[in-house]
Amino acid sequence: MKRKILILSVLMMMTAIVVIDSCKKSNPAPLSLGTLMVGTIDLNAATAPTNVPVKPAITATFTTDVDATTATASNITLTEDYDAVSIPLTISASGKVVTITPVANLANGALYKLAITPGLKASNGETLTAINRSFTTLGSFLPSGVVAYWNFDGNANDQTGIYNPSASGVTAISYVTGRNAASGQAASFNGTTSLIEIPNGDILENSSDFSISFWINEDSTAKRDQFVLGLAGAKGFQFEINNNGNNFLGDCKLTVQYNITGGTTANEDLWFNGGATGTTKDNGGWQGWTFCKDLTSNSGTGVNGLLAKHWAHVVCTYDHATKIGTMYINGLEMKAQDFTLYPTNHPMYSATGLKFAGNAANNALVFGFIQDKVSPTLPDTWADYTNPANGHFQGLLDDVAIYHSVLTPTLITLMYNSGKP
């Protein structure tokens, strides 16, 4: 009897062991991250990378197959740190791999935060411990939403891939060391023949809101009257630097053609007089001038001022809702004008945005002069490209960016502080 009881006990113990072992084998494997990569860049490294391209395809590989129905924007987010904007993503899952791709290019030189919540589940139902990683994109800081952007890193191509010059559209340009390591190279202009022609530049101007940003290092040994860039001159837009007889303090202006209610166009200068003592509409300045920074104490914008002998950052904006145009240099507001303060019968009072009004065959945006050398809109001798004595730009130009939106003062300050030498 005792022997039977002993045998039965042993059999029961063995059965229990088998059951326990069987339970262990049936436990589902937890969902955990294996690797997190952008190409060969490891986003899962101890130090957050700073060299991620603005067109990243993020590949998250897990240790267990993922439930594809949970790989959604509710559980995977990418946030732009400087403005807390959530980036639209395309997300797909196959087996253990989840691919995360921003719908549009990210900003240059910006910090991003990737978050994957426990809502992402394995195909066996197991959940994930929350994952938070960060990375910074390549280059100097450039806010997202750019329509066209030229960084001149060895070529004059638009980094959005749309507004590129033809092989014959680049004349006498060399690419040299830029203002810092992050900015890469810059385009060098010789002051007589250098030119970059960007086809279909008129499309870049035909917008309600507008911002243009660029870095410039003017050669102060050159003639002072220089056209840095242009689109059919005043019939499109142009940025120029000149001394204007102002004791060499210098001034600069963005001349723009505006769309006027009723179907007409008219041009106006956003003009900053570097030698003015803060002149506005209230102390002898032109109608609508609401702000002008006094730079007489530090030599204005001229020979010894902001736009010569060293790198400077220039941004000009137009807000069609408020009808306010503003110029910033090195992150600071320099000039502002308000078209709502013009007389009601003045064309600018009815400006609704920017509008190209040049010759159809002269629609190239050019860097280094005032207009395209083909079918010039401006017939004047001073606007003739073939004359090397005219206002060809001499110096360095970098990071030209155009937006169909109004860059905020905060973003402009960030752009200068992150990009300055």
Protein backbone atom coordinates (compact mmCIF):
# COMPACT_ATOMS: atom_id res chain seq x y z
CA MET A 1 0.00 0.00 0.00
CA LYS A 2 2.79 2.37 0.95
CA ARG A 3 4.54 1.58 -2.32
CA LYS A 4 1.38 2.52 -4.30
CA ILE A 5 1.02 5.79 -2.41
CA LEU A 6 4.69 6.62 -3.08
CA ILE A 7 4.38 5.88 -6.78
CA LEU A 8 1.21 8.00 -6.99
CA SER A 9 2.95 10.93 -5.24
CA VAL A 10 5.90 10.74 -7.63
CA LEU A 11 3.54 10.71 -10.60
CA MET A 12 1.68 13.75 -9.26
CA MET A 13 4.92 15.65 -8.73
CA MET A 14 6.06 14.87 -12.24
CA THR A 15 2.73 16.01 -13.62
CA ALA A 16 3.02 19.28 -11.68
CA ILE A 17 6.52 19.83 -13.05
CA VAL A 18 5.30 19.26 -16.58
CA VAL A 19 2.39 21.69 -16.02
CA ILE A 20 4.69 24.34 -14.55
CA ASP A 21 7.21 23.90 -17.34
CA SER A 22 4.40 24.08 -19.87
CA CYS A 23 3.16 27.36 -18.33
CA LYS A 24 6.63 28.83 -18.52
CA LYS A 25 6.93 28.04 -22.18
CA SER A 26 3.59 29.68 -22.98
CA ASN A 27 4.45 33.08 -21.43
CA PRO A 28 4.52 35.67 -24.26
CA ALA A 29 7.76 37.53 -24.86
CA PRO A 30 7.65 41.20 -23.80
CA LEU A 31 7.82 43.97 -26.44
CA SER A 32 11.11 45.82 -26.19
CA LEU A 33 13.18 47.97 -28.51
CA GLY A 34 16.14 46.41 -30.30
CA THR A 35 17.47 49.21 -32.48
CA LEU A 36 16.37 52.72 -33.49
CA MET A 37 18.12 53.97 -36.61
CA VAL A 38 18.13 56.64 -39.32
CA GLY A 39 20.29 54.96 -41.92
CA THR A 40 23.55 54.35 -40.04
CA ILE A 41 22.75 56.92 -37.34
CA ASP A 42 21.87 55.36 -33.99
CA LEU A 43 19.04 57.22 -32.25
CA ASN A 44 19.28 54.79 -29.34
CA ALA A 45 22.86 55.73 -28.45
CA ALA A 46 23.84 57.14 -25.07
CA THR A 47 24.45 60.55 -26.69
CA ALA A 48 21.68 62.02 -28.83
CA PRO A 49 22.93 62.48 -32.43
CA THR A 50 23.23 65.94 -34.01
CA ASN A 51 23.66 64.90 -37.64
CA VAL A 52 20.23 63.59 -38.61
CA PRO A 53 19.10 64.61 -42.13
CA VAL A 54 15.97 66.73 -42.58
CA LYS A 55 14.38 63.87 -44.56
CA PRO A 56 14.77 61.02 -42.04
CA ALA A 57 13.26 57.56 -42.32
CA ILE A 58 13.33 56.28 -38.74
CA THR A 59 13.44 52.49 -38.40
CA ALA A 60 12.50 50.98 -35.03
CA THR A 61 13.23 47.26 -34.78
CA PHE A 62 11.67 45.43 -31.84
CA THR A 63 12.42 42.03 -30.31
CA THR A 64 8.89 40.79 -30.99
CA ASP A 65 6.44 41.19 -33.87
CA VAL A 66 4.40 44.39 -33.55
CA ASP A 67 0.62 44.64 -33.77
CA ALA A 68 0.40 46.88 -36.85
CA THR A 69 -2.99 48.28 -35.77
CA THR A 70 -1.30 49.93 -32.78
CA ALA A 71 1.48 51.56 -34.80
CA THR A 72 -0.40 54.85 -35.13
CA ALA A 73 0.05 58.57 -34.55
CA SER A 74 -1.71 58.14 -31.22
CA ASN A 75 1.18 56.02 -29.95
CA ILE A 76 4.12 57.41 -31.92
CA THR A 77 4.81 61.16 -31.97
CA LEU A 78 7.61 63.45 -33.10
CA THR A 79 7.68 66.93 -31.59
CA GLU A 80 9.60 69.99 -32.75
CA ASP A 81 11.22 71.32 -29.59
CA TYR A 82 11.52 75.01 -30.47
CA ASP A 83 7.78 75.51 -31.01
CA ALA A 84 6.26 72.32 -29.51
CA VAL A 85 4.61 71.48 -32.84
CA SER A 86 3.69 67.84 -33.46
CA ILE A 87 5.13 66.67 -36.80
CA PRO A 88 2.75 64.79 -39.15
CA LEU A 89 4.09 61.28 -39.71
CA THR A 90 3.66 58.35 -42.03
CA ILE A 91 3.87 55.17 -39.92
CA SER A 92 3.94 51.56 -41.08
CA ALA A 93 4.67 48.23 -39.38
CA SER A 94 5.76 44.88 -40.71
CA GLY A 95 6.83 42.07 -38.41
CA LYS A 96 9.27 43.49 -35.88
CA VAL A 97 9.94 46.71 -37.80
CA VAL A 98 8.12 50.03 -37.50
CA THR A 99 9.05 52.73 -40.03
CA ILE A 100 8.42 56.36 -39.06
CA THR A 101 8.72 59.05 -41.73
CA PRO A 102 7.86 62.77 -41.43
CA VAL A 103 5.41 63.87 -44.12
CA ALA A 104 7.44 67.04 -44.85
CA ASN A 105 11.07 67.98 -44.35
CA LEU A 106 12.11 68.79 -40.82
CA ALA A 107 13.74 72.08 -39.90
CA ASN A 108 17.49 72.37 -40.19
CA GLY A 109 19.55 72.47 -37.01
CA ALA A 110 16.54 71.80 -34.78
CA LEU A 111 15.96 69.53 -31.79
CA TYR A 112 13.24 66.86 -32.12
CA LYS A 113 11.74 64.51 -29.53
CA LEU A 114 10.46 61.06 -30.49
CA ALA A 115 8.00 59.36 -28.14
CA ILE A 116 6.59 55.82 -28.37
CA THR A 117 3.93 55.06 -25.77
CA PRO A 118 2.84 51.75 -24.15
CA GLY A 119 -0.10 51.91 -26.53
CA LEU A 120 2.16 50.24 -29.10
CA LYS A 121 1.67 46.52 -28.56
CA ALA A 122 3.23 43.28 -29.67
CA SER A 123 1.20 40.91 -31.86
CA ASN A 124 0.90 38.70 -28.78
CA GLY A 125 -0.69 41.55 -26.79
CA GLU A 126 2.34 42.46 -24.68
CA THR A 127 2.85 46.20 -24.10
CA LEU A 128 5.90 48.37 -24.34
CA THR A 129 7.70 50.43 -21.73
CA ALA A 130 7.52 54.05 -22.91
CA ILE A 131 10.41 55.17 -25.14
CA ASN A 132 11.63 58.78 -25.37
CA ARG A 133 14.56 59.73 -27.60
CA SER A 134 15.81 63.02 -29.08
CA PHE A 135 17.97 64.11 -31.99
CA THR A 136 19.07 67.27 -33.80
CA THR A 137 18.99 67.77 -37.54
CA LEU A 138 21.96 68.84 -39.65
CA GLY A 139 22.97 72.42 -40.38
CA SER A 140 22.25 75.85 -38.97
CA PHE A 141 18.80 76.37 -37.52
CA LEU A 142 16.14 76.97 -40.16
CA PRO A 143 12.45 76.91 -39.21
CA SER A 144 10.22 74.39 -40.95
CA GLY A 145 7.90 75.43 -43.77
CA VAL A 146 10.60 76.74 -46.10
CA VAL A 147 9.49 77.01 -49.74
CA ALA A 148 13.00 77.24 -51.18
CA TYR A 149 16.41 77.03 -49.53
CA TRP A 150 19.93 77.33 -50.93
CA ASN A 151 22.80 76.40 -48.56
CA PHE A 152 25.55 76.57 -51.25
CA ASP A 153 27.35 73.49 -49.99
CA GLY A 154 29.31 72.85 -53.16
CA ASN A 155 26.45 73.78 -55.49
CA ALA A 156 23.55 76.19 -55.96
CA ASN A 157 20.74 73.64 -55.73
CA ASP A 158 17.56 74.28 -53.78
CA GLN A 159 17.52 71.85 -50.85
CA THR A 160 13.77 71.32 -51.31
CA GLY A 161 14.63 69.98 -54.78
CA ILE A 162 12.41 72.35 -56.76
CA TYR A 163 14.21 75.59 -57.60
CA ASN A 164 17.55 74.53 -59.09
CA PRO A 165 19.68 76.43 -61.61
CA SER A 166 20.58 74.91 -64.95
CA ALA A 167 24.22 74.08 -65.67
CA SER A 168 24.50 77.33 -67.63
CA GLY A 169 22.71 79.28 -64.89
CA VAL A 170 25.76 79.45 -62.62
CA THR A 171 28.43 81.94 -63.72
CA ALA A 172 31.80 82.54 -62.01
CA ILE A 173 30.76 81.17 -58.61
CA SER A 174 33.10 79.45 -56.19
CA TYR A 175 32.17 77.71 -52.96
CA VAL A 176 34.27 78.57 -49.93
CA THR A 177 34.35 77.93 -46.19
CA GLY A 178 31.27 79.40 -44.52
CA ARG A 179 30.83 81.26 -41.26
CA ASN A 180 31.04 78.16 -39.01
CA ALA A 181 31.24 74.37 -39.14
CA ALA A 182 27.47 73.83 -39.10
CA SER A 183 26.85 76.21 -42.00
CA GLY A 184 29.16 74.35 -44.38
CA GLN A 185 30.16 76.31 -47.46
CA ALA A 186 29.05 79.67 -48.88
CA ALA A 187 28.83 81.07 -52.41
CA SER A 188 31.51 83.60 -53.37
CA PHE A 189 30.72 86.41 -55.86
CA ASN A 190 33.45 88.36 -57.68
CA GLY A 191 31.66 91.70 -58.11
CA THR A 192 31.73 91.77 -61.92
CA THR A 193 30.29 88.63 -63.51
CA SER A 194 29.20 86.20 -60.76
CA LEU A 195 25.56 85.20 -61.09
CA ILE A 196 23.21 82.38 -60.09
CA GLU A 197 19.93 82.19 -62.03
CA ILE A 198 17.00 80.27 -60.55
CA PRO A 199 14.20 79.58 -63.09
CA ASN A 200 10.55 80.26 -62.23
CA GLY A 201 11.43 82.67 -59.46
CA ASP A 202 8.11 84.45 -60.02
CA ILE A 203 6.33 81.55 -58.31
CA LEU A 204 8.31 82.29 -55.17
CA GLU A 205 6.99 85.84 -55.02
CA ASN A 206 3.30 85.32 -55.76
CA SER A 207 2.10 84.89 -52.19
CA SER A 208 0.18 86.79 -49.54
CA ASP A 209 2.67 86.45 -46.70
CA PHE A 210 6.39 86.44 -47.38
CA SER A 211 9.73 86.09 -45.59
CA ILE A 212 13.25 85.99 -46.97
CA SER A 213 16.30 85.14 -44.87
CA PHE A 214 19.98 85.10 -45.81
CA TRP A 215 23.50 85.47 -44.48
CA ILE A 216 25.81 87.97 -46.15
CA ASN A 217 29.47 88.89 -45.87
CA GLU A 218 30.01 91.88 -48.11
CA ASP A 219 33.49 92.71 -49.36
CA SER A 220 33.82 96.28 -48.10
CA THR A 221 36.68 96.98 -50.55
CA ALA A 222 34.13 96.73 -53.36
CA LYS A 223 31.87 99.48 -54.64
CA ARG A 224 29.19 100.30 -52.11
CA ASP A 225 26.20 100.18 -54.48
CA GLN A 226 25.51 96.48 -54.81
CA PHE A 227 22.55 94.27 -55.71
CA VAL A 228 22.71 91.17 -53.53
CA LEU A 229 19.75 89.45 -55.18
CA GLY A 230 16.89 90.33 -57.48
CA LEU A 231 13.82 89.16 -59.39
CA ALA A 232 13.20 91.60 -62.25
CA GLY A 233 14.25 94.39 -59.90
CA ALA A 234 11.41 96.54 -58.59
CA LYS A 235 8.97 94.56 -60.76
CA GLY A 236 9.57 91.58 -58.49
CA PHE A 237 11.86 92.14 -55.53
CA GLN A 238 15.47 93.14 -54.95
CA PHE A 239 17.79 93.57 -51.99
CA GLU A 240 20.50 96.18 -52.33
CA ILE A 241 23.18 97.85 -50.27
CA ASN A 242 24.39 101.39 -50.94
CA ASN A 243 25.90 104.38 -49.17
CA ASN A 244 23.32 106.84 -50.53
CA GLY A 245 25.77 109.67 -49.85
CA ASN A 246 25.23 109.16 -46.16
CA ASN A 247 28.80 109.64 -44.90
CA PHE A 248 29.49 106.00 -45.75
CA LEU A 249 27.26 104.78 -42.95
CA GLY A 250 25.29 102.98 -45.61
CA ASP A 251 21.75 101.79 -46.02
CA CYS A 252 19.96 98.77 -47.39
CA LYS A 253 16.51 98.05 -48.71
CA LEU A 254 14.19 95.37 -49.98
CA THR A 255 12.18 96.73 -52.90
CA VAL A 256 9.02 94.69 -53.49
CA GLN A 257 6.18 94.64 -56.04
CA TYR A 258 2.83 94.28 -54.25
CA ASN A 259 -0.52 93.01 -55.41
CA ILE A 260 -3.13 95.76 -55.08
CA THR A 261 -6.87 95.23 -54.66
CA GLY A 262 -8.50 95.66 -58.06
CA GLY A 263 -5.88 93.75 -60.03
CA THR A 264 -3.05 96.28 -60.27
CA THR A 265 0.44 96.19 -58.75
CA ALA A 266 2.77 98.77 -57.24
CA ASN A 267 6.19 98.72 -55.61
CA GLU A 268 7.47 100.08 -52.33
CA ASP A 269 10.81 100.05 -50.50
CA LEU A 270 11.35 98.54 -47.08
CA TRP A 271 14.27 100.88 -46.57
CA PHE A 272 16.59 100.97 -43.59
CA ASN A 273 18.77 104.05 -43.45
CA GLY A 274 21.76 103.05 -41.38
CA GLY A 275 22.63 106.69 -40.76
CA ALA A 276 19.22 107.79 -39.59
CA THR A 277 18.69 108.68 -35.95
CA GLY A 278 15.69 106.43 -35.49
CA THR A 279 13.56 108.36 -38.00
CA THR A 280 9.86 107.40 -38.08
CA LYS A 281 6.61 108.97 -39.27
CA ASP A 282 6.50 110.89 -36.00
CA ASN A 283 9.85 112.67 -36.34
CA GLY A 284 10.26 113.54 -39.97
CA GLY A 285 10.20 110.09 -41.56
CA TRP A 286 7.97 108.72 -44.31
CA GLN A 287 4.31 107.89 -43.78
CA GLY A 288 3.83 104.48 -42.25
CA TRP A 289 7.35 104.19 -40.81
CA THR A 290 6.61 102.93 -37.32
CA PHE A 291 10.12 101.92 -36.25
CA CYS A 292 13.71 102.64 -37.24
CA LYS A 293 16.63 101.57 -35.06
CA ASP A 294 19.24 104.25 -34.41
CA LEU A 295 22.67 102.87 -35.34
CA THR A 296 24.62 106.10 -35.61
CA SER A 297 26.63 105.20 -32.54
CA ASN A 298 28.06 102.08 -34.20
CA SER A 299 28.49 103.23 -37.80
CA GLY A 300 25.17 102.07 -39.24
CA THR A 301 25.05 99.30 -41.80
CA GLY A 302 27.85 100.57 -43.99
CA VAL A 303 31.63 100.38 -44.25
CA ASN A 304 32.13 99.76 -40.55
CA GLY A 305 28.60 98.69 -39.76
CA LEU A 306 26.41 95.60 -39.69
CA LEU A 307 26.62 94.57 -43.34
CA ALA A 308 30.33 94.85 -44.05
CA LYS A 309 33.61 93.13 -43.16
CA HIS A 310 31.86 90.32 -41.33
CA TRP A 311 28.91 87.94 -41.52
CA ALA A 312 25.45 89.38 -40.95
CA HIS A 313 21.99 87.80 -40.94
CA VAL A 314 19.17 89.62 -42.78
CA VAL A 315 15.46 88.77 -42.62
CA CYS A 316 12.61 90.70 -44.27
CA THR A 317 8.94 89.84 -43.78
CA TYR A 318 5.53 90.99 -45.01
CA ASP A 319 2.29 90.18 -43.18
CA HIS A 320 -0.68 90.72 -45.51
CA ALA A 321 -3.25 90.66 -42.68
CA THR A 322 -1.64 93.55 -40.82
CA LYS A 323 0.04 95.08 -43.91
CA ILE A 324 3.26 95.39 -41.92
CA GLY A 325 6.71 94.90 -43.43
CA THR A 326 9.69 94.39 -41.15
CA MET A 327 13.46 94.10 -41.56
CA TYR A 328 15.74 92.38 -39.05
CA ILE A 329 19.53 92.34 -38.98
CA ASN A 330 21.38 89.97 -36.64
CA GLY A 331 18.22 88.99 -34.83
CA LEU A 332 17.11 92.54 -34.04
CA GLU A 333 14.32 94.58 -35.58
CA MET A 334 15.77 97.43 -37.66
CA LYS A 335 12.83 98.84 -39.60
CA ALA A 336 9.06 98.47 -39.75
CA GLN A 337 6.41 100.06 -41.95
CA ASP A 338 2.63 99.82 -41.76
CA PHE A 339 0.62 100.31 -44.96
CA THR A 340 -2.60 100.87 -42.97
CA LEU A 341 -1.12 104.23 -41.94
CA TYR A 342 -0.79 105.35 -45.57
CA PRO A 343 -3.52 107.60 -47.06
CA THR A 344 -6.56 105.58 -48.12
CA ASN A 345 -6.03 106.59 -51.75
CA HIS A 346 -2.44 105.33 -51.77
CA PRO A 347 -1.93 101.98 -53.57
CA MET A 348 -0.10 100.48 -50.59
CA TYR A 349 -3.16 100.97 -48.41
CA SER A 350 -4.82 98.24 -50.49
CA ALA A 351 -1.86 95.84 -50.74
CA THR A 352 -2.90 92.21 -50.37
CA GLY A 353 0.44 90.47 -50.81
CA LEU A 354 3.34 90.16 -53.25
CA LYS A 355 2.97 89.89 -57.02
CA PHE A 356 5.47 89.44 -59.85
CA ALA A 357 5.00 92.08 -62.58
CA GLY A 358 8.13 91.61 -64.68
CA ASN A 359 8.60 90.27 -68.17
CA ALA A 360 7.53 86.63 -68.52
CA ALA A 361 10.95 85.77 -69.98
CA ASN A 362 12.76 87.55 -67.14
CA ASN A 363 11.33 85.49 -64.28
CA ALA A 364 14.54 84.04 -62.84
CA LEU A 365 15.48 84.84 -59.27
CA VAL A 366 19.15 85.78 -59.38
CA PHE A 367 21.82 85.93 -56.73
CA GLY A 368 24.53 88.50 -57.38
CA PHE A 369 22.61 91.07 -59.43
CA ILE A 370 19.25 92.81 -59.83
CA GLN A 371 17.67 90.75 -62.62
CA ASP A 372 18.06 87.88 -65.04
CA LYS A 373 20.33 88.71 -67.97
CA VAL A 374 17.79 87.21 -70.41
CA SER A 375 15.07 89.62 -71.66
CA PRO A 376 15.71 92.16 -68.86
CA THR A 377 12.62 93.76 -67.38
CA LEU A 378 14.57 96.91 -66.48
CA PRO A 379 16.06 98.54 -69.62
CA ASP A 380 18.18 101.04 -67.68
CA THR A 381 21.94 101.05 -68.25
CA TRP A 382 22.64 100.65 -64.53
CA ALA A 383 20.65 97.36 -64.61
CA ASP A 384 22.66 95.92 -67.51
CA TYR A 385 24.39 92.71 -66.42
CA THR A 386 27.04 92.96 -69.13
CA ASN A 387 28.58 96.09 -67.59
CA PRO A 388 31.01 94.94 -64.86
CA ALA A 389 31.01 98.44 -63.37
CA ASN A 390 27.33 98.11 -62.42
CA GLY A 391 26.13 96.96 -59.01
CA HIS A 392 27.22 93.34 -59.11
CA PHE A 393 27.51 91.86 -55.62
CA GLN A 394 30.99 91.18 -54.27
CA GLY A 395 31.28 89.00 -51.21
CA LEU A 396 29.79 85.84 -49.72
CA LEU A 397 26.18 84.72 -49.59
CA ASP A 398 24.78 81.76 -47.65
CA ASP A 399 21.62 80.03 -46.46
CA VAL A 400 19.07 81.91 -48.56
CA ALA A 401 15.58 80.80 -47.49
CA ILE A 402 12.16 81.89 -48.73
CA TYR A 403 8.89 81.34 -46.87
CA HIS A 404 5.27 82.00 -47.78
CA SER A 405 4.64 82.78 -44.14
CA VAL A 406 5.76 85.39 -41.63
CA LEU A 407 8.71 84.36 -39.49
CA THR A 408 8.22 85.48 -35.91
CA PRO A 409 10.74 87.61 -33.99
CA THR A 410 11.42 84.63 -31.72
CA LEU A 411 12.30 82.37 -34.66
CA ILE A 412 14.45 85.07 -36.25
CA THR A 413 16.41 85.50 -33.04
CA LEU A 414 16.87 81.72 -32.82
CA MET A 415 18.11 81.65 -36.43
CA TYR A 416 20.71 84.31 -35.72
CA ASN A 417 21.89 82.93 -32.39
CA SER A 418 22.26 79.38 -33.71
CA GLY A 419 23.89 80.42 -36.98
CA LYS A 420 26.22 83.26 -36.02
CA PRO A 421 29.99 82.75 -36.40
